[in-house]
C-alpha atoms as a PDB file:
ATOM      1  CA  UNK A   1       0.068   0.020  -0.013  1.00  0.00           C
ATOM      2  CA  UNK A   2       1.307   3.493  -0.939  1.00  0.00           C
ATOM      3  CA  UNK A   3       2.119   5.813   1.904  1.00  0.00           C
ATOM      4  CA  UNK A   4       0.763   9.419   1.792  1.00  0.00           C
ATOM      5  CA  UNK A   5       3.471  11.959   2.700  1.00  0.00           C
ATOM      6  CA  UNK A   6       2.750  14.163   5.693  1.00  0.00           C
ATOM      7  CA  UNK A   7       2.837  18.030   5.584  1.00  0.00           C
ATOM      8  CA  UNK A   8       6.485  18.281   6.600  1.00  0.00           C
ATOM      9  CA  UNK A   9       7.679  15.879   4.047  1.00  0.00           C
ATOM     10  CA  UNK A  10       5.594  17.698   1.424  1.00  0.00           C
ATOM     11  CA  UNK A  11       7.016  20.988   2.479  1.00  0.00           C
ATOM     12  CA  UNK A  12      10.556  19.646   2.192  1.00  0.00           C
ATOM     13  CA  UNK A  13       9.974  18.334  -1.259  1.00  0.00           C
ATOM     14  CA  UNK A  14       8.434  21.743  -2.375  1.00  0.00           C
ATOM     15  CA  UNK A  15      11.464  23.437  -0.863  1.00  0.00           C
ATOM     16  CA  UNK A  16      13.851  21.202  -2.740  1.00  0.00           C
ATOM     17  CA  UNK A  17      12.085  21.845  -5.969  1.00  0.00           C
ATOM     18  CA  UNK A  18      12.229  25.545  -5.317  1.00  0.00           C
ATOM     19  CA  UNK A  19      15.917  25.452  -4.624  1.00  0.00           C
ATOM     20  CA  UNK A  20      16.601  23.401  -7.707  1.00  0.00           C
ATOM     21  CA  UNK A  21      14.632  25.926  -9.968  1.00  0.00           C
ATOM     22  CA  UNK A  22      16.452  28.910  -8.270  1.00  0.00           C
ATOM     23  CA  UNK A  23      19.951  27.289  -8.711  1.00  0.00           C
ATOM     24  CA  UNK A  24      19.443  26.188 -12.306  1.00  0.00           C
ATOM     25  CA  UNK A  25      17.429  29.107 -13.789  1.00  0.00           C
ATOM     26  CA  UNK A  26      19.333  31.928 -15.602  1.00  0.00           C
ATOM     27  CA  UNK A  27      17.621  34.599 -13.614  1.00  0.00           C
ATOM     28  CA  UNK A  28      17.683  38.410 -14.505  1.00  0.00           C
ATOM     29  CA  UNK A  29      19.851  39.300 -17.415  1.00  0.00           C
ATOM     30  CA  UNK A  30      21.329  42.836 -17.639  1.00  0.00           C
ATOM     31  CA  UNK A  31      20.760  44.640 -20.958  1.00  0.00           C
ATOM     32  CA  UNK A  32      24.471  44.558 -21.688  1.00  0.00           C
ATOM     33  CA  UNK A  33      24.568  40.840 -21.171  1.00  0.00           C
ATOM     34  CA  UNK A  34      21.651  40.269 -23.757  1.00  0.00           C
ATOM     35  CA  UNK A  35      23.982  41.347 -26.661  1.00  0.00           C
ATOM     36  CA  UNK A  36      25.595  38.254 -28.042  1.00  0.00           C
ATOM     37  CA  UNK A  37      29.269  37.998 -29.040  1.00  0.00           C
ATOM     38  CA  UNK A  38      28.439  38.246 -32.690  1.00  0.00           C
ATOM     39  CA  UNK A  39      26.337  41.343 -32.356  1.00  0.00           C
ATOM     40  CA  UNK A  40      28.862  42.962 -30.019  1.00  0.00           C
ATOM     41  CA  UNK A  41      31.667  42.349 -32.634  1.00  0.00           C
ATOM     42  CA  UNK A  42      29.410  43.723 -35.481  1.00  0.00           C
ATOM     43  CA  UNK A  43      28.598  46.848 -33.475  1.00  0.00           C
ATOM     44  CA  UNK A  44      32.321  47.348 -32.642  1.00  0.00           C
ATOM     45  CA  UNK A  45      33.397  46.871 -36.242  1.00  0.00           C
ATOM     46  CA  UNK A  46      30.697  49.289 -37.410  1.00  0.00           C
ATOM     47  CA  UNK A  47      31.833  52.024 -35.032  1.00  0.00           C
ATOM     48  CA  UNK A  48      35.494  51.469 -36.203  1.00  0.00           C
ATOM     49  CA  UNK A  49      34.445  51.616 -39.831  1.00  0.00           C
ATOM     50  CA  UNK A  50      32.718  54.983 -39.326  1.00  0.00           C
ATOM     51  CA  UNK A  51      35.744  56.288 -37.603  1.00  0.00           C
ATOM     52  CA  UNK A  52      37.968  55.252 -40.427  1.00  0.00           C
ATOM     53  CA  UNK A  53      36.327  57.718 -42.921  1.00  0.00           C
ATOM     54  CA  UNK A  54      37.215  61.406 -42.629  1.00  0.00           C
ATOM     55  CA  UNK A  55      35.661  64.366 -44.449  1.00  0.00           C
ATOM     56  CA  UNK A  56      38.245  65.735 -46.857  1.00  0.00           C
ATOM     57  CA  UNK A  57      38.663  69.578 -46.760  1.00  0.00           C
ATOM     58  CA  UNK A  58      38.041  69.634 -50.526  1.00  0.00           C
ATOM     59  CA  UNK A  59      34.583  68.013 -50.079  1.00  0.00           C
ATOM     60  CA  UNK A  60      35.401  64.380 -50.562  1.00  0.00           C
ATOM     61  CA  UNK A  61      35.819  61.440 -48.266  1.00  0.00           C
ATOM     62  CA  UNK A  62      39.216  60.182 -47.049  1.00  0.00           C
ATOM     63  CA  UNK A  63      39.562  56.505 -46.034  1.00  0.00           C
ATOM     64  CA  UNK A  64      42.056  55.767 -43.286  1.00  0.00           C
ATOM     65  CA  UNK A  65      43.849  52.436 -43.672  1.00  0.00           C
END
């Protein structure tokens, strides 16, 4: 015959499950952490690319290499 757990045992099981969920969940993620490495690299390269073009005094663009 199956035994029905008492309240203390049920509370211990619930607490163990809550602890497991708390320890294995990702939790709150800061906005800066949401940007993946590929997106971070693309943004960084885009900023560098924009900085490598200068306005020429004669009205053109000058590429820095």
